[in-house]
Amino acid sequence: MPLKVEGLTKSQRVADRWYLKLEGGESIRVDTALIADFSLYPGRELSDEELTARRAGAAKAGAKARALRMLGSRMYSQRELYDKLIAKGESPGDAAEAVEWVVHLGYVDDGEYAAAIVRRYMSQGYGLGRVRQELWRRGVPKELWDEAIAQAPETLETVEALLEKRLSGRENDERERRRAVDMLRRRGFSWQEIKSALMKIGLTDSEDM
């Protein structure tokens, strides 16, 4: 049974978003491209087949628009973006198509994202153990980890600086040294990195730690 378009209302909050009001009260979210492509205007009658196509087109366009808005605030991996779109109510098919679309446009690049995560966490004084946790948590494919980590700076100076800051004036306090070691392990540094830093700044020969 055909339904008549009763009106088109522009969103006051989101650019290029319109609401297509149908006879009977149904409202479909559309954008300017869909309005033009499907010749939508008040008074136009839509068949069941046309309505199905418009609803599907509106859902796909909505998922793509949502993906772009999300990418305007931060970077995402492909898996992260897909999961977020699903959590926002997009269908699996529309979410997957939206992710594929933004990847094709170059707005999502898992390799660049991996490198950005490595730089960010290492600049904040975290070790590679914590970096790997973040790469996994954010859905970066494991085959991209090594290349991103290979670009990371050496960690020895970072460990030394953190040790000296933590132990300033308390270098001879064994308990504080152990606390400093525990802190560094929690930040993702390996025991070998910590041991090398301790030996370099002359705090221990580290055989028994």
C-alpha atoms as a PDB file:
ATOM      1  CA  MET A   1       0.000   0.000   0.000  1.00  0.00           C
ATOM      2  CA  PRO A   2       1.562   3.332  -1.052  1.00  0.00           C
ATOM      3  CA  LEU A   3       2.317   5.898   1.608  1.00  0.00           C
ATOM      4  CA  LYS A   4       2.457   9.621   1.015  1.00  0.00           C
ATOM      5  CA  VAL A   5       5.332  11.868   2.079  1.00  0.00           C
ATOM      6  CA  GLU A   6       3.768  14.434   4.381  1.00  0.00           C
ATOM      7  CA  GLY A   7       6.840  16.571   5.016  1.00  0.00           C
ATOM      8  CA  LEU A   8      10.595  17.058   5.171  1.00  0.00           C
ATOM      9  CA  THR A   9      12.057  18.673   8.265  1.00  0.00           C
ATOM     10  CA  LYS A  10      15.684  19.749   8.615  1.00  0.00           C
ATOM     11  CA  SER A  11      17.478  18.743  11.808  1.00  0.00           C
ATOM     12  CA  GLN A  12      18.391  21.624  14.083  1.00  0.00           C
ATOM     13  CA  ARG A  13      21.313  19.730  15.628  1.00  0.00           C
ATOM     14  CA  VAL A  14      23.050  17.785  12.867  1.00  0.00           C
ATOM     15  CA  ALA A  15      24.163  19.228   9.533  1.00  0.00           C
ATOM     16  CA  ASP A  16      22.778  17.558   6.400  1.00  0.00           C
ATOM     17  CA  ARG A  17      20.190  15.562   8.325  1.00  0.00           C
ATOM     18  CA  TRP A  18      16.522  15.648   7.420  1.00  0.00           C
ATOM     19  CA  TYR A  19      13.472  13.794   8.692  1.00  0.00           C
ATOM     20  CA  LEU A  20      11.059  12.367   6.134  1.00  0.00           C
ATOM     21  CA  LYS A  21       7.592  12.253   7.662  1.00  0.00           C
ATOM     22  CA  LEU A  22       5.267   9.661   6.151  1.00  0.00           C
ATOM     23  CA  GLU A  23       1.521   9.315   6.222  1.00  0.00           C
ATOM     24  CA  GLY A  24       0.673   7.443   9.417  1.00  0.00           C
ATOM     25  CA  GLY A  25       3.385   9.123  11.480  1.00  0.00           C
ATOM     26  CA  GLU A  26       6.537   7.196  10.535  1.00  0.00           C
ATOM     27  CA  SER A  27       9.713   9.308  10.348  1.00  0.00           C
ATOM     28  CA  ILE A  28      12.799   8.276   8.362  1.00  0.00           C
ATOM     29  CA  ARG A  29      16.173   9.954   8.809  1.00  0.00           C
ATOM     30  CA  VAL A  30      17.637  10.985   5.446  1.00  0.00           C
ATOM     31  CA  ASP A  31      20.323  13.279   4.034  1.00  0.00           C
ATOM     32  CA  THR A  32      20.412  15.632   1.071  1.00  0.00           C
ATOM     33  CA  ALA A  33      21.875  13.002  -1.249  1.00  0.00           C
ATOM     34  CA  LEU A  34      19.052  10.567  -0.497  1.00  0.00           C
ATOM     35  CA  ILE A  35      16.445  13.275  -0.994  1.00  0.00           C
ATOM     36  CA  ALA A  36      17.877  14.012  -4.434  1.00  0.00           C
ATOM     37  CA  ASP A  37      18.511  10.397  -5.430  1.00  0.00           C
ATOM     38  CA  PHE A  38      14.981   9.262  -4.533  1.00  0.00           C
ATOM     39  CA  SER A  39      13.162  12.479  -5.537  1.00  0.00           C
ATOM     40  CA  LEU A  40      11.596  12.903  -2.130  1.00  0.00           C
ATOM     41  CA  TYR A  41       9.159  15.786  -1.638  1.00  0.00           C
ATOM     42  CA  PRO A  42       5.918  16.417   0.238  1.00  0.00           C
ATOM     43  CA  GLY A  43       3.013  14.803  -1.566  1.00  0.00           C
ATOM     44  CA  ARG A  44       5.066  12.096  -3.243  1.00  0.00           C
ATOM     45  CA  GLU A  45       3.617   8.607  -2.896  1.00  0.00           C
ATOM     46  CA  LEU A  46       5.982   5.744  -2.193  1.00  0.00           C
ATOM     47  CA  SER A  47       5.239   2.097  -2.974  1.00  0.00           C
ATOM     48  CA  ASP A  48       6.148  -0.714  -0.575  1.00  0.00           C
ATOM     49  CA  GLU A  49       9.242  -1.485  -2.673  1.00  0.00           C
ATOM     50  CA  GLU A  50      10.298   2.149  -2.695  1.00  0.00           C
ATOM     51  CA  LEU A  51       9.777   2.452   1.057  1.00  0.00           C
ATOM     52  CA  THR A  52      11.907  -0.631   1.679  1.00  0.00           C
ATOM     53  CA  ALA A  53      14.670   0.816  -0.495  1.00  0.00           C
ATOM     54  CA  ARG A  54      14.446   4.228   1.199  1.00  0.00           C
ATOM     55  CA  ARG A  55      14.549   2.731   4.666  1.00  0.00           C
ATOM     56  CA  ALA A  56      17.575   0.639   3.750  1.00  0.00           C
ATOM     57  CA  GLY A  57      19.288   3.590   2.082  1.00  0.00           C
ATOM     58  CA  ALA A  58      18.559   5.837   5.060  1.00  0.00           C
ATOM     59  CA  ALA A  59      19.976   3.273   7.490  1.00  0.00           C
ATOM     60  CA  LYS A  60      23.191   2.868   5.483  1.00  0.00           C
ATOM     61  CA  ALA A  61      23.617   6.626   5.096  1.00  0.00           C
ATOM     62  CA  GLY A  62      22.961   7.111   8.800  1.00  0.00           C
ATOM     63  CA  ALA A  63      25.648   4.606   9.752  1.00  0.00           C
ATOM     64  CA  LYS A  64      28.156   6.315   7.465  1.00  0.00           C
ATOM     65  CA  ALA A  65      27.301   9.750   8.856  1.00  0.00           C
ATOM     66  CA  ARG A  66      27.642   8.464  12.414  1.00  0.00           C
ATOM     67  CA  ALA A  67      31.034   6.953  11.589  1.00  0.00           C
ATOM     68  CA  LEU A  68      32.268  10.275  10.219  1.00  0.00           C
ATOM     69  CA  ARG A  69      31.066  12.150  13.305  1.00  0.00           C
ATOM     70  CA  MET A  70      32.840   9.680  15.568  1.00  0.00           C
ATOM     71  CA  LEU A  71      36.071   9.992  13.591  1.00  0.00           C
ATOM     72  CA  GLY A  72      35.872  13.759  13.963  1.00  0.00           C
ATOM     73  CA  SER A  73      36.658  13.457  17.665  1.00  0.00           C
ATOM     74  CA  ARG A  74      39.354  10.750  17.771  1.00  0.00           C
ATOM     75  CA  MET A  75      41.090   7.948  15.888  1.00  0.00           C
ATOM     76  CA  TYR A  76      39.661   4.435  15.839  1.00  0.00           C
ATOM     77  CA  SER A  77      40.771   1.043  14.657  1.00  0.00           C
ATOM     78  CA  GLN A  78      38.439  -0.740  12.266  1.00  0.00           C
ATOM     79  CA  ARG A  79      37.282  -3.113  14.981  1.00  0.00           C
ATOM     80  CA  GLU A  80      36.752  -0.321  17.493  1.00  0.00           C
ATOM     81  CA  LEU A  81      34.682   1.710  15.059  1.00  0.00           C
ATOM     82  CA  TYR A  82      32.571  -1.296  14.111  1.00  0.00           C
ATOM     83  CA  ASP A  83      31.921  -2.170  17.770  1.00  0.00           C
ATOM     84  CA  LYS A  84      31.012   1.435  18.597  1.00  0.00           C
ATOM     85  CA  LEU A  85      28.585   1.650  15.691  1.00  0.00           C
ATOM     86  CA  ILE A  86      26.894  -1.556  16.818  1.00  0.00           C
ATOM     87  CA  ALA A  87      26.683  -0.182  20.370  1.00  0.00           C
ATOM     88  CA  LYS A  88      24.989   2.948  18.983  1.00  0.00           C
ATOM     89  CA  GLY A  89      22.297   0.827  17.374  1.00  0.00           C
ATOM     90  CA  GLU A  90      23.505   0.350  13.797  1.00  0.00           C
ATOM     91  CA  SER A  91      22.930  -3.068  12.231  1.00  0.00           C
ATOM     92  CA  PRO A  92      25.959  -5.335  11.713  1.00  0.00           C
ATOM     93  CA  GLY A  93      25.649  -5.014   7.950  1.00  0.00           C
ATOM     94  CA  ASP A  94      25.366  -1.226   7.953  1.00  0.00           C
ATOM     95  CA  ALA A  95      28.198  -0.913  10.482  1.00  0.00           C
ATOM     96  CA  ALA A  96      30.488  -3.128   8.403  1.00  0.00           C
ATOM     97  CA  GLU A  97      29.664  -1.178   5.227  1.00  0.00           C
ATOM     98  CA  ALA A  98      30.315   2.141   6.987  1.00  0.00           C
ATOM     99  CA  VAL A  99      33.705   0.927   8.250  1.00  0.00           C
ATOM    100  CA  GLU A 100      34.672  -0.342   4.806  1.00  0.00           C
ATOM    101  CA  TRP A 101      33.644   3.024   3.339  1.00  0.00           C
ATOM    102  CA  VAL A 102      35.740   5.161   5.716  1.00  0.00           C
ATOM    103  CA  VAL A 103      38.714   2.817   5.239  1.00  0.00           C
ATOM    104  CA  HIS A 104      38.398   3.261   1.481  1.00  0.00           C
ATOM    105  CA  LEU A 105      38.329   7.039   1.978  1.00  0.00           C
ATOM    106  CA  GLY A 106      41.513   6.824   4.050  1.00  0.00           C
ATOM    107  CA  TYR A 107      39.908   8.046   7.274  1.00  0.00           C
ATOM    108  CA  VAL A 108      40.755   4.822   9.156  1.00  0.00           C
ATOM    109  CA  ASP A 109      44.183   3.219   8.913  1.00  0.00           C
ATOM    110  CA  ASP A 110      45.043   0.550  11.473  1.00  0.00           C
ATOM    111  CA  GLY A 111      48.772   0.894  10.765  1.00  0.00           C
ATOM    112  CA  GLU A 112      48.769   4.640  11.461  1.00  0.00           C
ATOM    113  CA  TYR A 113      46.605   4.094  14.518  1.00  0.00           C
ATOM    114  CA  ALA A 114      49.025   1.498  15.898  1.00  0.00           C
ATOM    115  CA  ALA A 115      51.947   3.898  15.462  1.00  0.00           C
ATOM    116  CA  ALA A 116      49.986   6.680  17.181  1.00  0.00           C
ATOM    117  CA  ILE A 117      49.213   4.447  20.159  1.00  0.00           C
ATOM    118  CA  VAL A 118      52.877   3.475  20.498  1.00  0.00           C
ATOM    119  CA  ARG A 119      53.996   7.125  20.395  1.00  0.00           C
ATOM    120  CA  ARG A 120      51.332   8.255  22.842  1.00  0.00           C
ATOM    121  CA  TYR A 121      51.902   5.675  25.547  1.00  0.00           C
ATOM    122  CA  MET A 122      55.676   5.692  25.312  1.00  0.00           C
ATOM    123  CA  SER A 123      55.722   9.494  25.529  1.00  0.00           C
ATOM    124  CA  GLN A 124      53.704   9.135  28.744  1.00  0.00           C
ATOM    125  CA  GLY A 125      56.334   6.862  30.266  1.00  0.00           C
ATOM    126  CA  TYR A 126      54.840   3.447  29.602  1.00  0.00           C
ATOM    127  CA  GLY A 127      56.729   0.364  28.487  1.00  0.00           C
ATOM    128  CA  LEU A 128      56.151  -1.989  25.599  1.00  0.00           C
ATOM    129  CA  GLY A 129      54.173  -4.402  27.757  1.00  0.00           C
ATOM    130  CA  ARG A 130      51.530  -1.722  28.379  1.00  0.00           C
ATOM    131  CA  VAL A 131      51.700  -0.632  24.740  1.00  0.00           C
ATOM    132  CA  ARG A 132      50.907  -4.171  23.587  1.00  0.00           C
ATOM    133  CA  GLN A 133      47.969  -4.295  26.004  1.00  0.00           C
ATOM    134  CA  GLU A 134      46.573  -1.106  24.481  1.00  0.00           C
ATOM    135  CA  LEU A 135      47.041  -2.334  20.924  1.00  0.00           C
ATOM    136  CA  TRP A 136      45.123  -5.493  21.808  1.00  0.00           C
ATOM    137  CA  ARG A 137      42.408  -3.632  23.726  1.00  0.00           C
ATOM    138  CA  ARG A 138      41.821  -1.239  20.845  1.00  0.00           C
ATOM    139  CA  GLY A 139      41.459  -3.999  18.272  1.00  0.00           C
ATOM    140  CA  VAL A 140      44.608  -3.376  16.241  1.00  0.00           C
ATOM    141  CA  PRO A 141      45.472  -6.522  14.237  1.00  0.00           C
ATOM    142  CA  LYS A 142      48.488  -8.254  15.768  1.00  0.00           C
ATOM    143  CA  GLU A 143      50.343  -8.386  12.450  1.00  0.00           C
ATOM    144  CA  LEU A 144      50.682  -4.581  12.641  1.00  0.00           C
ATOM    145  CA  TRP A 145      52.208  -4.461  16.118  1.00  0.00           C
ATOM    146  CA  ASP A 146      55.829  -5.225  15.264  1.00  0.00           C
ATOM    147  CA  GLU A 147      56.119  -2.509  12.629  1.00  0.00           C
ATOM    148  CA  ALA A 148      54.624   0.103  14.946  1.00  0.00           C
ATOM    149  CA  ILE A 149      56.813  -0.931  17.886  1.00  0.00           C
ATOM    150  CA  ALA A 150      59.923  -0.958  15.693  1.00  0.00           C
ATOM    151  CA  GLN A 151      59.514   2.812  15.320  1.00  0.00           C
ATOM    152  CA  ALA A 152      59.419   3.318  19.091  1.00  0.00           C
ATOM    153  CA  PRO A 153      62.280   5.114  20.859  1.00  0.00           C
ATOM    154  CA  GLU A 154      64.667   3.285  23.174  1.00  0.00           C
ATOM    155  CA  THR A 155      63.197   2.766  26.625  1.00  0.00           C
ATOM    156  CA  LEU A 156      66.351   2.756  28.776  1.00  0.00           C
ATOM    157  CA  GLU A 157      66.480   6.522  29.216  1.00  0.00           C
ATOM    158  CA  THR A 158      62.788   6.582  30.129  1.00  0.00           C
ATOM    159  CA  VAL A 159      63.265   3.909  32.781  1.00  0.00           C
ATOM    160  CA  GLU A 160      66.290   5.727  34.176  1.00  0.00           C
ATOM    161  CA  ALA A 161      64.387   8.999  34.401  1.00  0.00           C
ATOM    162  CA  LEU A 162      61.434   7.378  36.142  1.00  0.00           C
ATOM    163  CA  LEU A 163      63.725   5.616  38.619  1.00  0.00           C
ATOM    164  CA  GLU A 164      65.671   8.767  39.431  1.00  0.00           C
ATOM    165  CA  LYS A 165      62.465  10.741  39.917  1.00  0.00           C
ATOM    166  CA  ARG A 166      60.916   8.081  42.146  1.00  0.00           C
ATOM    167  CA  LEU A 167      64.075   7.465  44.181  1.00  0.00           C
ATOM    168  CA  SER A 168      65.345  11.028  44.480  1.00  0.00           C
ATOM    169  CA  GLY A 169      66.903  11.275  47.945  1.00  0.00           C
ATOM    170  CA  ARG A 170      65.981   7.666  48.744  1.00  0.00           C
ATOM    171  CA  GLU A 171      68.511   5.750  46.656  1.00  0.00           C
ATOM    172  CA  ASN A 172      69.683   3.688  49.615  1.00  0.00           C
ATOM    173  CA  ASP A 173      66.211   2.643  50.733  1.00  0.00           C
ATOM    174  CA  GLU A 174      65.760  -0.980  49.626  1.00  0.00           C
ATOM    175  CA  ARG A 175      62.017  -0.924  50.183  1.00  0.00           C
ATOM    176  CA  GLU A 176      61.615   2.175  47.992  1.00  0.00           C
ATOM    177  CA  ARG A 177      63.700   0.582  45.268  1.00  0.00           C
ATOM    178  CA  ARG A 178      61.434  -2.440  45.241  1.00  0.00           C
ATOM    179  CA  ARG A 179      58.391  -0.186  45.089  1.00  0.00           C
ATOM    180  CA  ALA A 180      59.954   1.652  42.166  1.00  0.00           C
ATOM    181  CA  VAL A 181      60.572  -1.649  40.398  1.00  0.00           C
ATOM    182  CA  ASP A 182      56.958  -2.695  40.972  1.00  0.00           C
ATOM    183  CA  MET A 183      55.768   0.628  39.593  1.00  0.00           C
ATOM    184  CA  LEU A 184      57.821   0.181  36.444  1.00  0.00           C
ATOM    185  CA  ARG A 185      56.554  -3.372  35.957  1.00  0.00           C
ATOM    186  CA  ARG A 186      52.973  -2.087  36.209  1.00  0.00           C
ATOM    187  CA  ARG A 187      53.769   0.491  33.543  1.00  0.00           C
ATOM    188  CA  GLY A 188      54.760  -2.284  31.167  1.00  0.00           C
ATOM    189  CA  PHE A 189      58.563  -2.313  31.372  1.00  0.00           C
ATOM    190  CA  SER A 190      60.358  -5.660  31.302  1.00  0.00           C
ATOM    191  CA  TRP A 191      62.595  -6.834  34.115  1.00  0.00           C
ATOM    192  CA  GLN A 192      65.594  -6.704  31.766  1.00  0.00           C
ATOM    193  CA  GLU A 193      64.917  -3.019  31.002  1.00  0.00           C
ATOM    194  CA  ILE A 194      64.563  -2.207  34.698  1.00  0.00           C
ATOM    195  CA  LYS A 195      67.670  -4.186  35.632  1.00  0.00           C
ATOM    196  CA  SER A 196      69.742  -2.427  32.959  1.00  0.00           C
ATOM    197  CA  ALA A 197      68.589   0.986  34.177  1.00  0.00           C
ATOM    198  CA  LEU A 198      69.335   0.139  37.817  1.00  0.00           C
ATOM    199  CA  MET A 199      72.819  -1.029  36.905  1.00  0.00           C
ATOM    200  CA  LYS A 200      73.495   1.996  34.709  1.00  0.00           C
ATOM    201  CA  ILE A 201      72.675   4.483  37.444  1.00  0.00           C
ATOM    202  CA  GLY A 202      74.643   2.401  39.923  1.00  0.00           C
ATOM    203  CA  LEU A 203      71.867   1.381  42.291  1.00  0.00           C
ATOM    204  CA  THR A 204      72.387  -2.396  42.200  1.00  0.00           C
ATOM    205  CA  ASP A 205      74.132  -5.264  40.510  1.00  0.00           C
ATOM    206  CA  SER A 206      70.567  -6.726  40.540  1.00  0.00           C
ATOM    207  CA  GLU A 207      71.489 -10.362  40.942  1.00  0.00           C
ATOM    208  CA  ASP A 208      69.036 -10.900  43.789  1.00  0.00           C
ATOM    209  CA  MET A 209      66.132  -8.658  42.730  1.00  0.00           C
END
